[in-house]
Amino acid sequence: MEVSQKGRPGHRKPPTSKPVPLTPNPRPCLAQPLPPKQESALKVLGTDGLFLFSSLDTDQDMYISPEEFKPIAEKLTGSVPAAGYEEEELHRDPSEETLTIEARFQPLLTETMTKSKDGFLGVSRLALSGLRNWTTAASPTAVFAARHFRPFLPPPGQELGQPWWIIPGELSVFTGYLSNNRFYPPPPKDKEVIIHRLLSMFHPRPFVKTRFAPQGTVACLTAISDSYYTVMFRIHAEFQLSEPPDFPFWFSPGQFTGHIILSKDATHIRDFRLFVPNHRSLNVDMEWLYGASETSNMEVDIGYIPQMELEARGPSVPSVILDEDGDMIDSHLPSGEPLQFVFEEIKWQQELSWEEAARRLEVAMYPFKKVNYLPFTEAFDRAKAENKLVHSILLWGALDDQSCSGRTLRETVLESPPILTLLNESFISTWSLVKELEDLQIQQENPLHRQLAGLHLEKYSFPVEMMICLPNGTVVHHINANYFLDITSMKPEDVEKNVFSFSSTFEDPSTATYMQFLREGLRRGLPLLQP
């Protein structure tokens, strides 16, 4: 979650042992009077009571319908509904093939959270109870019909490598964010149903659309044969781990990615895998309210989950086996061993590499990735080879996943066409996690890499530092994200002209200021490059 002092999205304060006041959504600074019905409810229920009421009142009509009260009734009575909406939508026909999927889950390592460094001082155990109690997958295995995966089929005429949206996002930097004050996900519809059911294998409360942009599920064809497709996908979803009367706790993996190999009529699934990438040192964003109001303070942290994965046990197989005359036969041999199915080899006519497909999905989610952001040490090697300056972003959380550290930066200036053009023409770009550079700094194998990391960390201030560097790592210019946001929220006449000035070329002050930052970096750095 990010806010600035001006009520606009910004960068959050560093984690401390004391709660840090943050506003979940951009709002004006002046308090707005409550509507009459909410004012009356506040007098009767109190702040805590109105908070709980509002979290259940999903249509905000100030009435709790039987459907809205159902989750609480089930929790109070201990009853289990006869069938959830996903079971109703995903019924299986005995004549079709089924796919068994296994869930593999290792819980988040709480020692990787920043707040663990001071023993979670100031954080109540109740706040983290949903996280600490989530130690296993909700459903270790589940059986689906092959037909259920039809939403992964590409639209007619879809070309290899061309992304399309399975679940389109509905938010942008202009539309704002969805409420944090929710406990239960809305019923999934249409193509959302299979995504919801899959993610429910991890936890019973998945939200297939995140509170923040970019939302949704995007896919890309990576291989085509006469009868089969391979589809790679990327999902931005999150989980709400608490139940009333505790406050909501949001668990947002950086992304889910994976692939599916399915027949063109979706009657057979050859392979399926979905997982949270774990190659970086931090891969989950966490946010939780600790006050009884949508405008209450919110705690934030980042951590690492080693494994969160779904994988097919094997190809889909017929539920009922028929002989040549159409009569049902036993699925086991006389010895008791199950029948073994032999599947034809798939001969692909067109293929796209996993790396290229991942890049295209990434650009679909994040247009700022039209600039190639190289790994940290590789960027400086490339800059040396091409005799260019390095545009480097150092931050607490990831820039290209659902971590909120770089949310405002990537949704505004880094997507701006003038900025994209200048970065591609004049810089080698990279971004890094602070944790990764701290680890790099203590490694003994490569003194040059230790030096590069050290030069960056010397200039870093929480939460995000943007830098312009020489190929040897020397920082010639830098600006902190919080200062950048303060500058762009000021009137042009209030900005010191010797620090930053607004250009009449760009209407957006953020773009103008970042352009000025890059140009100043070029002015300082270009004369220092080796001829």
Protein backbone atom coordinates (compact mmCIF):
# COMPACT_ATOMS: atom_id res chain seq x y z
CA MET A 1 0.00 0.00 0.00
CA GLU A 2 1.35 3.38 -0.93
CA VAL A 3 0.24 6.88 -0.08
CA SER A 4 1.80 10.29 -0.11
CA GLN A 5 1.17 13.35 2.00
CA LYS A 6 -1.04 14.90 -0.67
CA GLY A 7 -3.66 12.14 -0.77
CA ARG A 8 -2.29 10.66 -3.99
CA PRO A 9 -0.67 7.24 -4.43
CA GLY A 10 2.93 7.33 -3.30
CA HIS A 11 5.54 5.34 -1.44
CA ARG A 12 5.07 3.99 2.04
CA LYS A 13 7.19 4.68 5.07
CA PRO A 14 9.84 2.21 6.24
CA PRO A 15 8.72 -0.57 8.59
CA THR A 16 9.25 0.35 12.23
CA SER A 17 8.55 -1.19 15.59
CA LYS A 18 5.62 1.18 15.98
CA PRO A 19 2.55 1.30 13.74
CA VAL A 20 2.98 3.65 10.80
CA PRO A 21 -0.11 5.66 9.84
CA LEU A 22 -1.03 4.91 6.25
CA THR A 23 -4.21 5.48 4.32
CA PRO A 24 -5.46 2.44 2.33
CA ASN A 25 -6.84 4.51 -0.54
CA PRO A 26 -6.16 7.99 -1.88
CA ARG A 27 -8.52 10.41 -0.16
CA PRO A 28 -8.78 14.16 0.39
CA CYS A 29 -7.14 15.42 3.54
CA LEU A 30 -10.39 16.91 4.87
CA ALA A 31 -12.76 14.52 6.63
CA GLN A 32 -16.04 13.99 4.80
CA PRO A 33 -19.32 13.73 6.75
CA LEU A 34 -20.88 10.29 6.83
CA PRO A 35 -24.20 9.68 5.05
CA PRO A 36 -27.18 9.78 7.45
CA LYS A 37 -27.62 5.99 7.57
CA GLN A 38 -23.93 5.40 8.32
CA GLU A 39 -24.00 8.16 10.94
CA SER A 40 -26.92 6.44 12.68
CA ALA A 41 -25.22 3.06 12.43
CA LEU A 42 -22.03 4.49 13.94
CA LYS A 43 -23.97 5.79 16.96
CA VAL A 44 -25.65 2.41 17.50
CA LEU A 45 -22.83 0.00 16.62
CA GLY A 46 -19.73 2.01 17.44
CA THR A 47 -16.61 2.11 15.29
CA ASP A 48 -15.75 -1.60 15.60
CA GLY A 49 -19.32 -2.67 14.96
CA LEU A 50 -19.69 -0.48 11.89
CA PHE A 51 -16.38 -1.82 10.55
CA LEU A 52 -17.62 -5.43 10.82
CA PHE A 53 -21.03 -4.50 9.39
CA SER A 54 -19.45 -2.74 6.40
CA SER A 55 -17.16 -5.70 5.67
CA LEU A 56 -20.24 -7.94 5.31
CA ASP A 57 -22.40 -5.38 3.48
CA THR A 58 -20.83 -6.11 0.09
CA ASP A 59 -23.32 -4.01 -1.92
CA GLN A 60 -23.06 -1.10 0.56
CA ASP A 61 -26.85 -0.70 0.86
CA MET A 62 -26.68 -0.63 4.71
CA TYR A 63 -28.63 -3.91 4.94
CA ILE A 64 -27.22 -7.40 5.56
CA SER A 65 -29.03 -9.77 3.22
CA PRO A 66 -29.25 -13.51 3.97
CA GLU A 67 -26.64 -14.13 1.29
CA GLU A 68 -24.27 -11.58 2.83
CA PHE A 69 -24.77 -13.08 6.30
CA LYS A 70 -24.25 -16.65 5.08
CA PRO A 71 -20.45 -16.82 5.69
CA ILE A 72 -20.88 -15.66 9.31
CA ALA A 73 -23.79 -18.05 9.89
CA GLU A 74 -21.74 -20.97 8.63
CA LYS A 75 -18.83 -20.00 10.85
CA LEU A 76 -21.01 -19.58 13.95
CA THR A 77 -22.90 -22.85 13.45
CA GLY A 78 -19.95 -24.86 12.18
CA SER A 79 -22.04 -26.00 9.22
CA VAL A 80 -20.56 -26.58 5.79
CA PRO A 81 -22.56 -25.63 2.70
CA ALA A 82 -23.74 -28.56 0.64
CA ALA A 83 -22.03 -27.25 -2.47
CA GLY A 84 -20.15 -24.08 -3.21
CA TYR A 85 -20.60 -22.17 -6.42
CA GLU A 86 -17.39 -23.60 -7.83
CA GLU A 87 -18.65 -27.17 -7.38
CA GLU A 88 -21.91 -26.22 -9.07
CA GLU A 89 -20.08 -24.62 -11.97
CA LEU A 90 -17.41 -27.33 -12.25
CA HIS A 91 -19.51 -30.49 -12.20
CA ARG A 92 -18.06 -33.50 -14.02
CA ASP A 93 -19.65 -35.69 -16.66
CA PRO A 94 -18.75 -39.41 -16.19
CA SER A 95 -18.06 -39.73 -19.91
CA GLU A 96 -15.28 -37.11 -20.03
CA GLU A 97 -11.62 -37.17 -19.06
CA THR A 98 -10.49 -36.05 -15.63
CA LEU A 99 -7.27 -34.46 -14.41
CA THR A 100 -5.86 -34.90 -10.92
CA ILE A 101 -3.93 -31.92 -9.59
CA GLU A 102 -1.68 -31.93 -6.54
CA ALA A 103 -0.88 -28.91 -4.37
CA ARG A 104 2.59 -28.42 -2.89
CA PHE A 105 2.87 -25.75 -0.24
CA GLN A 106 5.59 -24.59 2.13
CA PRO A 107 4.48 -21.70 4.38
CA LEU A 108 5.98 -18.25 4.31
CA LEU A 109 9.24 -17.97 6.24
CA THR A 110 8.37 -15.37 8.87
CA GLU A 111 12.07 -14.75 9.53
CA THR A 112 12.29 -13.17 6.05
CA MET A 113 9.80 -10.45 7.04
CA THR A 114 11.35 -7.11 7.87
CA LYS A 115 9.44 -6.93 11.13
CA SER A 116 11.08 -10.15 12.31
CA LYS A 117 14.33 -8.21 12.83
CA ASP A 118 12.92 -6.61 15.99
CA GLY A 119 10.91 -9.65 17.03
CA PHE A 120 7.65 -8.27 15.57
CA LEU A 121 7.66 -5.56 18.21
CA GLY A 122 4.36 -3.70 18.13
CA VAL A 123 2.63 -6.36 16.02
CA SER A 124 -0.06 -8.30 17.86
CA ARG A 125 -0.16 -12.08 17.54
CA LEU A 126 -3.79 -11.82 16.46
CA ALA A 127 -2.78 -9.75 13.45
CA LEU A 128 -0.52 -12.53 12.18
CA SER A 129 -2.64 -15.48 13.32
CA GLY A 130 -4.05 -16.16 9.86
CA LEU A 131 -0.55 -16.17 8.40
CA ARG A 132 0.99 -18.33 11.14
CA ASN A 133 -1.86 -20.85 11.02
CA TRP A 134 -1.59 -21.30 7.24
CA THR A 135 0.89 -24.18 7.18
CA THR A 136 -0.61 -26.58 4.62
CA ALA A 137 -2.57 -26.44 1.39
CA ALA A 138 -6.33 -26.38 1.92
CA SER A 139 -6.79 -29.22 -0.61
CA PRO A 140 -3.73 -31.44 -1.23
CA THR A 141 -5.41 -32.94 -4.32
CA ALA A 142 -8.39 -32.12 -6.50
CA VAL A 143 -9.97 -33.71 -9.56
CA PHE A 144 -11.14 -31.60 -12.49
CA ALA A 145 -12.76 -32.41 -15.80
CA ALA A 146 -10.55 -31.61 -18.78
CA ARG A 147 -13.39 -29.42 -20.03
CA HIS A 148 -12.99 -27.12 -17.02
CA PHE A 149 -9.77 -25.78 -18.55
CA ARG A 150 -11.51 -24.51 -21.67
CA PRO A 151 -10.93 -20.86 -20.56
CA PHE A 152 -7.22 -21.41 -21.29
CA LEU A 153 -7.94 -21.98 -25.00
CA PRO A 154 -6.78 -19.07 -27.18
CA PRO A 155 -9.33 -16.97 -29.06
CA PRO A 156 -9.84 -17.91 -32.73
CA GLY A 157 -6.97 -16.74 -34.91
CA GLN A 158 -4.63 -16.05 -31.99
CA GLU A 159 -1.01 -15.97 -33.15
CA LEU A 160 2.00 -17.53 -31.47
CA GLY A 161 3.42 -15.19 -28.83
CA GLN A 162 0.53 -12.71 -28.94
CA PRO A 163 -0.85 -12.21 -25.37
CA TRP A 164 -4.56 -12.20 -24.63
CA TRP A 165 -6.55 -11.69 -21.43
CA ILE A 166 -8.35 -14.62 -19.83
CA ILE A 167 -9.51 -12.35 -17.00
CA PRO A 168 -9.15 -8.66 -17.95
CA GLY A 169 -8.17 -6.17 -15.28
CA GLU A 170 -10.60 -3.40 -14.39
CA LEU A 171 -8.31 -0.98 -12.55
CA SER A 172 -5.73 1.60 -13.54
CA VAL A 173 -3.87 4.45 -11.91
CA PHE A 174 -6.93 6.59 -12.73
CA THR A 175 -9.62 4.32 -11.27
CA GLY A 176 -8.12 3.87 -7.80
CA TYR A 177 -8.05 0.72 -5.72
CA LEU A 178 -10.52 -1.80 -4.35
CA SER A 179 -11.41 -1.82 -0.67
CA ASN A 180 -9.11 -3.41 1.91
CA ASN A 181 -12.08 -3.90 4.25
CA ARG A 182 -13.29 -7.25 2.90
CA PHE A 183 -13.16 -10.77 4.25
CA TYR A 184 -14.76 -12.97 1.59
CA PRO A 185 -14.19 -12.98 -2.18
CA PRO A 186 -17.09 -12.24 -4.51
CA PRO A 187 -18.54 -15.25 -6.36
CA PRO A 188 -16.42 -15.87 -9.46
CA LYS A 189 -18.05 -15.64 -12.86
CA ASP A 190 -17.40 -17.28 -16.22
CA LYS A 191 -13.66 -17.76 -16.77
CA GLU A 192 -12.90 -16.69 -13.19
CA VAL A 193 -14.39 -19.94 -11.87
CA ILE A 194 -11.52 -22.26 -12.84
CA ILE A 195 -8.89 -19.78 -11.57
CA HIS A 196 -10.76 -19.43 -8.27
CA ARG A 197 -11.12 -23.19 -7.87
CA LEU A 198 -7.43 -23.79 -8.56
CA LEU A 199 -6.28 -21.12 -6.11
CA SER A 200 -8.75 -22.45 -3.52
CA MET A 201 -6.53 -25.51 -3.28
CA PHE A 202 -4.07 -23.28 -1.40
CA HIS A 203 -6.49 -21.31 0.78
CA PRO A 204 -10.30 -20.99 0.96
CA ARG A 205 -10.37 -17.23 0.34
CA PRO A 206 -8.65 -16.37 -2.95
CA PHE A 207 -9.45 -13.12 -4.74
CA VAL A 208 -8.94 -13.64 -8.48
CA LYS A 209 -8.71 -9.88 -8.94
CA THR A 210 -6.25 -7.99 -6.78
CA ARG A 211 -7.05 -4.74 -4.99
CA PHE A 212 -4.45 -2.94 -7.09
CA ALA A 213 -3.63 -2.80 -10.78
CA PRO A 214 -2.53 -4.67 -12.76
CA GLN A 215 -5.21 -7.26 -12.14
CA GLY A 216 -6.31 -10.37 -13.96
CA THR A 217 -4.92 -13.31 -15.90
CA VAL A 218 -3.02 -12.96 -19.16
CA ALA A 219 -1.94 -15.82 -21.45
CA CYS A 220 0.29 -16.46 -24.44
CA LEU A 221 0.52 -19.28 -27.00
CA THR A 222 4.00 -20.81 -26.84
CA ALA A 223 3.55 -23.91 -29.04
CA ILE A 224 1.10 -25.15 -31.68
CA SER A 225 0.65 -28.61 -33.22
CA ASP A 226 -2.10 -30.13 -35.34
CA SER A 227 -4.11 -31.06 -32.25
CA TYR A 228 -2.58 -29.29 -29.24
CA TYR A 229 -1.66 -25.92 -27.77
CA THR A 230 0.86 -25.01 -25.11
CA VAL A 231 -0.32 -21.92 -23.26
CA MET A 232 1.76 -19.98 -20.75
CA PHE A 233 -0.10 -17.74 -18.31
CA ARG A 234 0.45 -15.17 -15.57
CA ILE A 235 -2.08 -14.57 -12.78
CA HIS A 236 -2.27 -11.63 -10.36
CA ALA A 237 -4.38 -12.82 -7.43
CA GLU A 238 -4.25 -12.56 -3.65
CA PHE A 239 -5.67 -14.11 -0.48
CA GLN A 240 -7.39 -12.67 2.56
CA LEU A 241 -6.26 -14.76 5.55
CA SER A 242 -8.34 -13.44 8.49
CA GLU A 243 -11.90 -14.00 9.62
CA PRO A 244 -14.10 -11.76 11.75
CA PRO A 245 -13.64 -10.41 14.38
CA ASP A 246 -9.96 -10.05 13.35
CA PHE A 247 -9.04 -7.38 10.86
CA PRO A 248 -8.33 -8.28 7.20
CA PHE A 249 -4.84 -9.59 6.35
CA TRP A 250 -3.90 -9.53 2.66
CA PHE A 251 -1.35 -11.99 1.27
CA SER A 252 -0.28 -11.03 -2.27
CA PRO A 253 2.23 -13.27 -4.07
CA GLY A 254 4.32 -11.42 -6.63
CA GLN A 255 2.63 -13.47 -9.36
CA PHE A 256 1.44 -16.93 -10.29
CA THR A 257 2.80 -18.26 -13.55
CA GLY A 258 2.67 -21.61 -15.31
CA HIS A 259 1.65 -23.49 -18.41
CA ILE A 260 -0.95 -25.90 -19.74
CA ILE A 261 -0.77 -28.30 -22.69
CA LEU A 262 -4.28 -29.06 -23.89
CA SER A 263 -6.04 -30.38 -26.97
CA LYS A 264 -7.64 -27.83 -29.24
CA ASP A 265 -11.11 -28.92 -28.13
CA ALA A 266 -10.09 -29.02 -24.42
CA THR A 267 -11.16 -32.66 -24.05
CA HIS A 268 -7.64 -33.76 -23.07
CA ILE A 269 -4.99 -32.14 -20.87
CA ARG A 270 -1.45 -33.37 -21.36
CA ASP A 271 0.22 -31.25 -18.65
CA PHE A 272 -0.53 -28.45 -16.18
CA ARG A 273 1.59 -26.50 -13.71
CA LEU A 274 0.99 -23.27 -11.75
CA PHE A 275 3.44 -21.76 -9.23
CA VAL A 276 4.75 -18.67 -7.47
CA PRO A 277 8.29 -17.96 -8.72
CA ASN A 278 10.81 -18.34 -5.89
CA HIS A 279 14.07 -17.30 -7.53
CA ARG A 280 14.18 -13.92 -5.76
CA SER A 281 14.81 -13.41 -2.05
CA LEU A 282 11.35 -11.85 -1.48
CA ASN A 283 8.21 -12.81 -3.36
CA VAL A 284 5.13 -11.96 -1.24
CA ASP A 285 3.63 -8.63 -0.20
CA MET A 286 1.55 -8.50 3.00
CA GLU A 287 -0.75 -5.75 4.23
CA TRP A 288 -3.05 -5.78 7.22
CA LEU A 289 -5.40 -3.32 8.89
CA TYR A 290 -5.11 -2.77 12.62
CA GLY A 291 -8.03 -0.40 13.08
CA ALA A 292 -11.76 -0.65 12.67
CA SER A 293 -12.14 1.52 9.61
CA GLU A 294 -11.36 1.56 5.91
CA THR A 295 -9.23 4.63 6.67
CA SER A 296 -7.46 2.89 9.57
CA ASN A 297 -3.74 2.54 9.71
CA MET A 298 -2.21 -0.32 7.79
CA GLU A 299 0.93 -2.33 8.43
CA VAL A 300 2.97 -3.58 5.50
CA ASP A 301 5.74 -6.10 5.04
CA ILE A 302 7.39 -8.36 2.49
CA GLY A 303 8.52 -11.96 2.86
CA TYR A 304 9.52 -15.16 1.10
CA ILE A 305 7.44 -18.27 0.45
CA PRO A 306 9.57 -21.25 -0.69
CA GLN A 307 6.85 -23.19 -2.50
CA MET A 308 3.31 -22.53 -3.67
CA GLU A 309 2.64 -24.85 -6.59
CA LEU A 310 -0.04 -26.88 -8.37
CA GLU A 311 0.90 -29.66 -10.78
CA ALA A 312 -0.99 -32.33 -12.68
CA ARG A 313 -0.25 -35.86 -11.50
CA GLY A 314 -0.25 -36.93 -15.15
CA PRO A 315 -2.30 -36.42 -18.32
CA SER A 316 -6.07 -36.45 -18.07
CA VAL A 317 -7.60 -39.91 -18.45
CA PRO A 318 -11.09 -41.22 -19.24
CA SER A 319 -13.42 -41.56 -16.27
CA VAL A 320 -15.02 -44.56 -17.97
CA ILE A 321 -13.13 -46.98 -20.24
CA LEU A 322 -15.03 -48.54 -23.14
CA ASP A 323 -14.05 -51.40 -25.42
CA GLU A 324 -14.44 -51.47 -29.20
CA ASP A 325 -18.10 -52.43 -28.84
CA GLY A 326 -18.80 -49.52 -26.47
CA ASP A 327 -19.05 -51.71 -23.39
CA MET A 328 -17.52 -50.55 -20.11
CA ILE A 329 -14.40 -52.43 -19.03
CA ASP A 330 -12.57 -52.64 -15.74
CA SER A 331 -9.93 -49.95 -15.22
CA HIS A 332 -7.67 -52.50 -13.49
CA LEU A 333 -5.88 -55.56 -14.79
CA PRO A 334 -6.64 -59.00 -13.25
CA SER A 335 -3.51 -58.48 -11.12
CA GLY A 336 -5.06 -55.39 -9.57
CA GLU A 337 -2.70 -53.00 -11.32
CA PRO A 338 -4.38 -50.02 -13.00
CA LEU A 339 -4.43 -49.89 -16.77
CA GLN A 340 -1.58 -47.88 -18.24
CA PHE A 341 -2.45 -45.33 -20.91
CA VAL A 342 -0.08 -44.67 -23.79
CA PHE A 343 -0.17 -41.16 -25.23
CA GLU A 344 0.97 -40.17 -28.67
CA GLU A 345 4.00 -37.92 -29.01
CA ILE A 346 3.10 -34.31 -29.79
CA LYS A 347 4.95 -32.89 -32.79
CA TRP A 348 5.05 -29.12 -32.48
CA GLN A 349 5.01 -27.04 -35.67
CA GLN A 350 5.55 -23.64 -34.02
CA GLU A 351 7.30 -22.92 -30.71
CA LEU A 352 8.29 -19.91 -28.61
CA SER A 353 10.82 -20.02 -25.78
CA TRP A 354 9.65 -19.81 -22.16
CA GLU A 355 11.84 -16.72 -21.62
CA GLU A 356 10.35 -14.81 -24.56
CA ALA A 357 6.80 -15.77 -23.59
CA ALA A 358 7.42 -14.64 -19.99
CA ARG A 359 8.75 -11.31 -21.27
CA ARG A 360 5.65 -10.74 -23.41
CA LEU A 361 3.31 -11.54 -20.53
CA GLU A 362 5.31 -9.20 -18.33
CA VAL A 363 5.00 -6.36 -20.84
CA ALA A 364 1.24 -7.00 -21.08
CA MET A 365 0.96 -6.58 -17.31
CA TYR A 366 3.58 -3.83 -17.02
CA PRO A 367 4.10 -1.60 -20.08
CA PHE A 368 7.20 -0.10 -18.43
CA LYS A 369 8.95 -3.40 -19.23
CA LYS A 370 9.13 -2.29 -22.87
CA VAL A 371 12.52 -1.22 -21.53
CA ASN A 372 14.76 -4.23 -20.94
CA TYR A 373 15.74 -4.26 -17.24
CA LEU A 374 18.81 -6.48 -16.94
CA PRO A 375 20.03 -8.29 -13.81
CA PHE A 376 22.22 -6.03 -11.66
CA THR A 377 25.72 -7.24 -12.51
CA GLU A 378 24.80 -7.98 -16.14
CA ALA A 379 23.63 -4.39 -16.59
CA PHE A 380 27.04 -3.00 -15.62
CA ASP A 381 28.79 -5.49 -17.91
CA ARG A 382 26.53 -4.36 -20.78
CA ALA A 383 27.06 -0.68 -19.94
CA LYS A 384 30.82 -1.18 -20.05
CA ALA A 385 30.61 -2.97 -23.40
CA GLU A 386 28.34 -0.31 -24.94
CA ASN A 387 29.90 2.66 -23.09
CA LYS A 388 26.54 3.79 -21.67
CA LEU A 389 25.26 5.04 -18.34
CA VAL A 390 23.21 2.78 -16.09
CA HIS A 391 19.68 3.74 -15.01
CA SER A 392 19.27 1.78 -11.77
CA ILE A 393 16.33 1.50 -9.37
CA LEU A 394 16.99 0.08 -5.90
CA LEU A 395 13.96 -0.75 -3.80
CA TRP A 396 12.62 -2.68 -0.82
CA GLY A 397 10.15 -4.77 -2.85
CA ALA A 398 10.10 -5.92 -6.45
CA LEU A 399 9.43 -3.49 -9.29
CA ASP A 400 7.78 -5.99 -11.65
CA ASP A 401 5.39 -7.93 -9.43
CA GLN A 402 2.60 -7.19 -6.95
CA SER A 403 4.95 -5.81 -4.30
CA CYS A 404 3.86 -2.26 -3.59
CA SER A 405 7.27 -0.61 -3.23
CA GLY A 406 7.43 0.51 -6.85
CA ARG A 407 3.72 0.67 -7.61
CA THR A 408 3.41 4.39 -8.24
CA LEU A 409 6.67 4.63 -10.17
CA ARG A 410 5.86 1.83 -12.60
CA GLU A 411 2.23 2.96 -13.12
CA THR A 412 3.17 6.53 -14.02
CA VAL A 413 6.53 7.82 -15.19
CA LEU A 414 8.17 4.53 -16.18
CA GLU A 415 5.27 3.82 -18.58
CA SER A 416 5.45 7.29 -20.15
CA PRO A 417 6.39 7.12 -23.88
CA PRO A 418 9.01 9.91 -23.63
CA ILE A 419 10.67 8.15 -20.69
CA LEU A 420 10.56 4.76 -22.47
CA THR A 421 12.20 6.31 -25.52
CA LEU A 422 15.00 8.03 -23.62
CA LEU A 423 15.76 4.96 -21.49
CA ASN A 424 15.95 2.70 -24.54
CA GLU A 425 18.14 5.13 -26.46
CA SER A 426 20.58 6.38 -23.82
CA PHE A 427 20.73 3.99 -20.84
CA ILE A 428 21.17 0.42 -19.72
CA SER A 429 18.45 -0.19 -17.12
CA THR A 430 18.31 -2.45 -14.08
CA TRP A 431 16.40 -2.77 -10.84
CA SER A 432 17.39 -4.60 -7.66
CA LEU A 433 16.09 -5.61 -4.26
CA VAL A 434 17.94 -4.11 -1.30
CA LYS A 435 18.13 -7.60 0.22
CA GLU A 436 19.86 -8.97 -2.88
CA LEU A 437 22.50 -6.24 -2.91
CA GLU A 438 23.09 -6.72 0.81
CA ASP A 439 23.72 -10.41 0.11
CA LEU A 440 25.96 -9.52 -2.85
CA GLN A 441 27.98 -7.12 -0.69
CA ILE A 442 29.04 -9.85 1.74
CA GLN A 443 30.00 -12.40 -0.91
CA GLN A 444 33.70 -13.04 -1.25
CA GLU A 445 33.82 -14.54 -4.74
CA ASN A 446 33.77 -11.34 -6.79
CA PRO A 447 35.24 -8.12 -5.34
CA LEU A 448 33.93 -6.06 -8.27
CA HIS A 449 30.35 -7.16 -7.60
CA ARG A 450 30.78 -6.37 -3.90
CA GLN A 451 31.99 -2.90 -4.84
CA LEU A 452 29.04 -2.28 -7.19
CA ALA A 453 26.58 -3.32 -4.47
CA GLY A 454 28.31 -1.17 -1.87
CA LEU A 455 28.23 1.96 -4.04
CA HIS A 456 24.48 1.49 -4.53
CA LEU A 457 23.68 0.82 -0.88
CA GLU A 458 25.60 3.94 0.18
CA LYS A 459 23.10 6.07 -1.75
CA TYR A 460 19.95 4.15 -0.84
CA SER A 461 17.14 5.55 1.32
CA PHE A 462 13.84 3.77 1.92
CA PRO A 463 11.71 2.88 0.02
CA VAL A 464 13.03 3.47 -3.53
CA GLU A 465 16.15 5.18 -4.84
CA MET A 466 16.61 5.99 -8.52
CA MET A 467 20.25 6.36 -9.65
CA ILE A 468 22.32 7.19 -12.71
CA CYS A 469 25.67 5.39 -12.65
CA LEU A 470 28.87 5.01 -14.60
CA PRO A 471 29.78 1.50 -15.81
CA ASN A 472 32.18 1.21 -12.83
CA GLY A 473 29.28 1.76 -10.41
CA THR A 474 29.97 5.37 -9.48
CA VAL A 475 26.65 7.12 -8.82
CA VAL A 476 26.63 10.47 -10.61
CA HIS A 477 23.04 11.41 -9.81
CA HIS A 478 20.22 10.00 -7.67
CA ILE A 479 16.83 10.89 -6.21
CA ASN A 480 14.64 9.23 -3.59
CA ALA A 481 11.09 8.30 -4.56
CA ASN A 482 9.53 10.15 -1.63
CA TYR A 483 11.39 13.34 -2.56
CA PHE A 484 10.44 12.80 -6.19
CA LEU A 485 6.75 12.56 -5.23
CA ASP A 486 7.01 15.67 -3.07
CA ILE A 487 8.56 17.57 -5.99
CA THR A 488 5.89 16.47 -8.46
CA SER A 489 3.07 17.41 -6.08
CA MET A 490 4.39 20.99 -5.71
CA LYS A 491 3.44 23.91 -7.87
CA PRO A 492 6.09 24.70 -10.50
CA GLU A 493 6.76 28.13 -9.00
CA ASP A 494 7.57 26.53 -5.62
CA VAL A 495 10.27 24.21 -6.98
CA GLU A 496 13.87 25.35 -6.65
CA LYS A 497 15.02 25.89 -10.22
CA ASN A 498 18.53 24.64 -9.49
CA VAL A 499 17.15 21.27 -8.34
CA PHE A 500 14.34 20.42 -10.77
CA SER A 501 12.28 22.45 -13.15
CA PHE A 502 9.16 21.61 -15.08
CA SER A 503 9.29 21.48 -18.84
CA SER A 504 6.51 22.83 -20.98
CA THR A 505 7.03 19.86 -23.31
CA PHE A 506 5.15 17.50 -20.97
CA GLU A 507 1.84 18.17 -19.33
CA ASP A 508 2.40 15.57 -16.62
CA PRO A 509 4.70 16.99 -13.91
CA SER A 510 5.86 13.49 -12.91
CA THR A 511 7.03 12.75 -16.45
CA ALA A 512 8.63 16.17 -16.75
CA THR A 513 10.49 15.78 -13.47
CA TYR A 514 11.73 12.28 -14.24
CA MET A 515 12.85 13.42 -17.68
CA GLN A 516 14.77 16.24 -15.98
CA PHE A 517 16.35 13.69 -13.62
CA LEU A 518 17.51 11.52 -16.52
CA ARG A 519 18.83 14.45 -18.51
CA GLU A 520 20.74 15.77 -15.52
CA GLY A 521 22.24 12.30 -15.13
CA LEU A 522 23.33 12.39 -18.76
CA ARG A 523 24.80 15.87 -18.33
CA ARG A 524 26.87 14.75 -15.36
CA GLY A 525 27.75 11.28 -16.57
CA LEU A 526 28.46 11.46 -20.30
CA PRO A 527 31.69 13.52 -19.93
CA LEU A 528 33.00 10.87 -17.50
CA LEU A 529 32.51 7.90 -19.83
CA GLN A 530 35.67 6.42 -21.29
CA PRO A 531 36.20 7.57 -24.90
